[in-house]
Amino acid sequence: FLLDSLTKFFDDLPNPTLRKKDVVWIALRSVDPPEQEFLDEFNDLKFFTMEDVRKQGIDSVIKQSIEWLQPGPQSPLHLSFDIDALDPAVAPSTGTPVANGLTMSEGRAIVQQAYNTGHLRAIDITEVNPALGKSQNDA
């Protein structure tokens, strides 16, 4: 995705772009230095770390996220679910496994509560690499 605040760097790319208000990240962990610089520079981005999820609970984080996004008929939800947000113990088939991720129950809660808004229009699941699992069930 492309945030509207970054279009100055990409004059030749078509619109539409996303406003910062249109994006929430849930379960950030193991943020590398360039990613941290991005988060620091655009400090009005909405995100929750795994520490936030553990302290506040997944239901509270989801509620805050939905309140931030304010989905409706003119602003439907698109959920992009990076499988590496889940703990590698439950989702090992990813190229970027990092311990202490979401449980399967927490991942399901995100999808279910997004669906329950009545405004979920699309879901994509990314960062899945079945070749990295130890068995066919890992994918």
Protein backbone atom coordinates (compact mmCIF):
# COMPACT_ATOMS: atom_id res chain seq x y z
CA PHE A 1 0.00 0.00 0.00
CA LEU A 2 1.05 3.61 -0.43
CA LEU A 3 0.32 6.28 2.13
CA ASP A 4 -0.73 9.63 0.70
CA SER A 5 2.01 11.33 2.73
CA LEU A 6 4.63 9.39 0.72
CA THR A 7 3.39 10.29 -2.77
CA LYS A 8 5.85 13.17 -2.98
CA PHE A 9 8.52 10.51 -3.48
CA PHE A 10 6.58 8.70 -6.22
CA ASP A 11 5.13 11.29 -8.60
CA ASP A 12 4.39 8.78 -11.36
CA LEU A 13 2.28 6.37 -9.29
CA PRO A 14 -1.48 6.53 -9.70
CA ASN A 15 -3.95 7.25 -6.95
CA PRO A 16 -5.77 6.31 -4.83
CA THR A 17 -3.55 6.21 -1.84
CA LEU A 18 -4.32 5.52 1.80
CA ARG A 19 -4.49 8.16 4.46
CA LYS A 20 -2.65 7.37 7.68
CA LYS A 21 -6.07 7.23 9.31
CA ASP A 22 -6.91 4.28 7.03
CA VAL A 23 -4.24 1.96 8.46
CA VAL A 24 -3.71 0.15 11.76
CA TRP A 25 -0.98 -2.37 12.51
CA ILE A 26 -1.60 -4.98 15.20
CA ALA A 27 1.04 -7.19 16.87
CA LEU A 28 4.23 -5.42 15.83
CA ARG A 29 7.39 -7.01 17.18
CA SER A 30 10.97 -7.31 16.05
CA VAL A 31 10.82 -3.95 14.27
CA ASP A 32 14.04 -3.34 12.33
CA PRO A 33 15.78 0.08 12.28
CA PRO A 34 14.32 1.33 8.94
CA GLU A 35 10.83 0.32 10.05
CA GLN A 36 11.34 2.11 13.37
CA GLU A 37 12.51 5.25 11.54
CA PHE A 38 9.31 5.11 9.47
CA LEU A 39 7.16 4.76 12.60
CA ASP A 40 9.04 7.59 14.30
CA GLU A 41 8.83 9.92 11.29
CA PHE A 42 5.11 9.32 10.85
CA ASN A 43 4.33 9.36 14.55
CA ASP A 44 0.61 9.72 14.01
CA LEU A 45 0.32 6.21 12.58
CA LYS A 46 -1.81 3.84 14.63
CA PHE A 47 -0.12 0.63 15.71
CA PHE A 48 -0.11 -1.84 18.55
CA THR A 49 2.90 -3.88 19.58
CA MET A 50 2.66 -7.38 20.98
CA GLU A 51 3.40 -5.79 24.34
CA ASP A 52 0.26 -3.66 23.87
CA VAL A 53 -1.73 -6.79 22.98
CA ARG A 54 -0.49 -8.58 26.11
CA LYS A 55 -1.17 -5.60 28.41
CA GLN A 56 -4.52 -4.48 26.98
CA GLY A 57 -5.87 -7.74 25.60
CA ILE A 58 -6.68 -8.50 21.98
CA ASP A 59 -10.34 -7.48 22.29
CA SER A 60 -9.39 -4.01 23.51
CA VAL A 61 -6.80 -3.60 20.75
CA ILE A 62 -9.32 -4.66 18.10
CA LYS A 63 -11.97 -2.32 19.52
CA GLN A 64 -9.54 0.62 19.45
CA SER A 65 -8.49 -0.30 15.91
CA ILE A 66 -12.06 -0.38 14.63
CA GLU A 67 -12.83 2.92 16.38
CA TRP A 68 -9.75 4.44 14.70
CA LEU A 69 -10.69 3.17 11.23
CA GLN A 70 -14.42 3.99 11.51
CA PRO A 71 -15.53 1.54 8.82
CA GLY A 72 -18.77 2.18 7.03
CA PRO A 73 -20.48 2.01 3.64
CA GLN A 74 -18.10 4.60 2.19
CA SER A 75 -15.01 3.23 3.95
CA PRO A 76 -15.03 -0.57 3.83
CA LEU A 77 -12.43 -2.69 5.59
CA HIS A 78 -9.63 -4.57 3.86
CA LEU A 79 -7.79 -6.90 6.23
CA SER A 80 -4.24 -7.76 5.25
CA PHE A 81 -3.17 -10.53 7.61
CA ASP A 82 0.56 -11.25 7.69
CA ILE A 83 0.80 -14.83 8.90
CA ASP A 84 4.04 -13.97 10.68
CA ALA A 85 1.96 -11.98 13.19
CA LEU A 86 1.09 -15.39 14.61
CA ASP A 87 3.56 -17.12 16.87
CA PRO A 88 5.71 -19.59 14.88
CA ALA A 89 4.53 -22.36 17.22
CA VAL A 90 1.12 -22.12 15.51
CA ALA A 91 2.18 -20.80 12.09
CA PRO A 92 5.69 -22.06 11.24
CA SER A 93 5.42 -21.71 7.45
CA THR A 94 6.71 -18.17 7.13
CA GLY A 95 10.05 -16.71 6.15
CA THR A 96 10.05 -14.29 9.07
CA PRO A 97 9.19 -16.28 12.20
CA VAL A 98 9.47 -14.30 15.42
CA ALA A 99 8.60 -15.74 18.82
CA ASN A 100 5.89 -14.33 21.08
CA GLY A 101 3.37 -13.60 18.34
CA LEU A 102 -0.38 -13.80 18.37
CA THR A 103 -2.08 -17.02 19.37
CA MET A 104 -4.40 -18.69 16.87
CA SER A 105 -7.32 -17.54 19.02
CA GLU A 106 -6.14 -13.92 18.85
CA GLY A 107 -5.70 -14.15 15.09
CA ARG A 108 -9.22 -15.55 14.74
CA ALA A 109 -10.56 -12.74 16.93
CA ILE A 110 -9.11 -10.12 14.57
CA VAL A 111 -10.75 -11.72 11.55
CA GLN A 112 -14.06 -12.36 13.33
CA GLN A 113 -14.38 -8.86 14.76
CA ALA A 114 -13.45 -7.27 11.42
CA TYR A 115 -16.19 -9.40 9.83
CA ASN A 116 -18.65 -8.47 12.58
CA THR A 117 -18.43 -4.78 11.59
CA GLY A 118 -20.44 -5.66 8.49
CA HIS A 119 -17.98 -3.64 6.40
CA LEU A 120 -15.23 -6.19 5.70
CA ARG A 121 -14.87 -6.43 1.92
CA ALA A 122 -11.55 -8.23 1.41
CA ILE A 123 -8.92 -10.25 3.23
CA ASP A 124 -5.49 -11.20 2.03
CA ILE A 125 -3.10 -13.50 3.85
CA THR A 126 0.57 -12.77 3.28
CA GLU A 127 4.00 -14.04 4.32
CA VAL A 128 2.93 -17.69 3.93
CA ASN A 129 5.57 -20.07 2.57
CA PRO A 130 4.38 -23.70 2.73
CA ALA A 131 7.84 -24.93 1.73
CA LEU A 132 9.17 -23.82 5.11
CA GLY A 133 6.87 -26.01 7.20
CA LYS A 134 7.98 -29.37 8.55
CA SER A 135 4.75 -31.06 7.49
CA GLN A 136 1.87 -30.45 5.13
CA ASN A 137 -0.26 -29.38 8.10
CA ASP A 138 2.12 -26.50 8.90
CA ALA A 139 0.98 -24.56 5.84
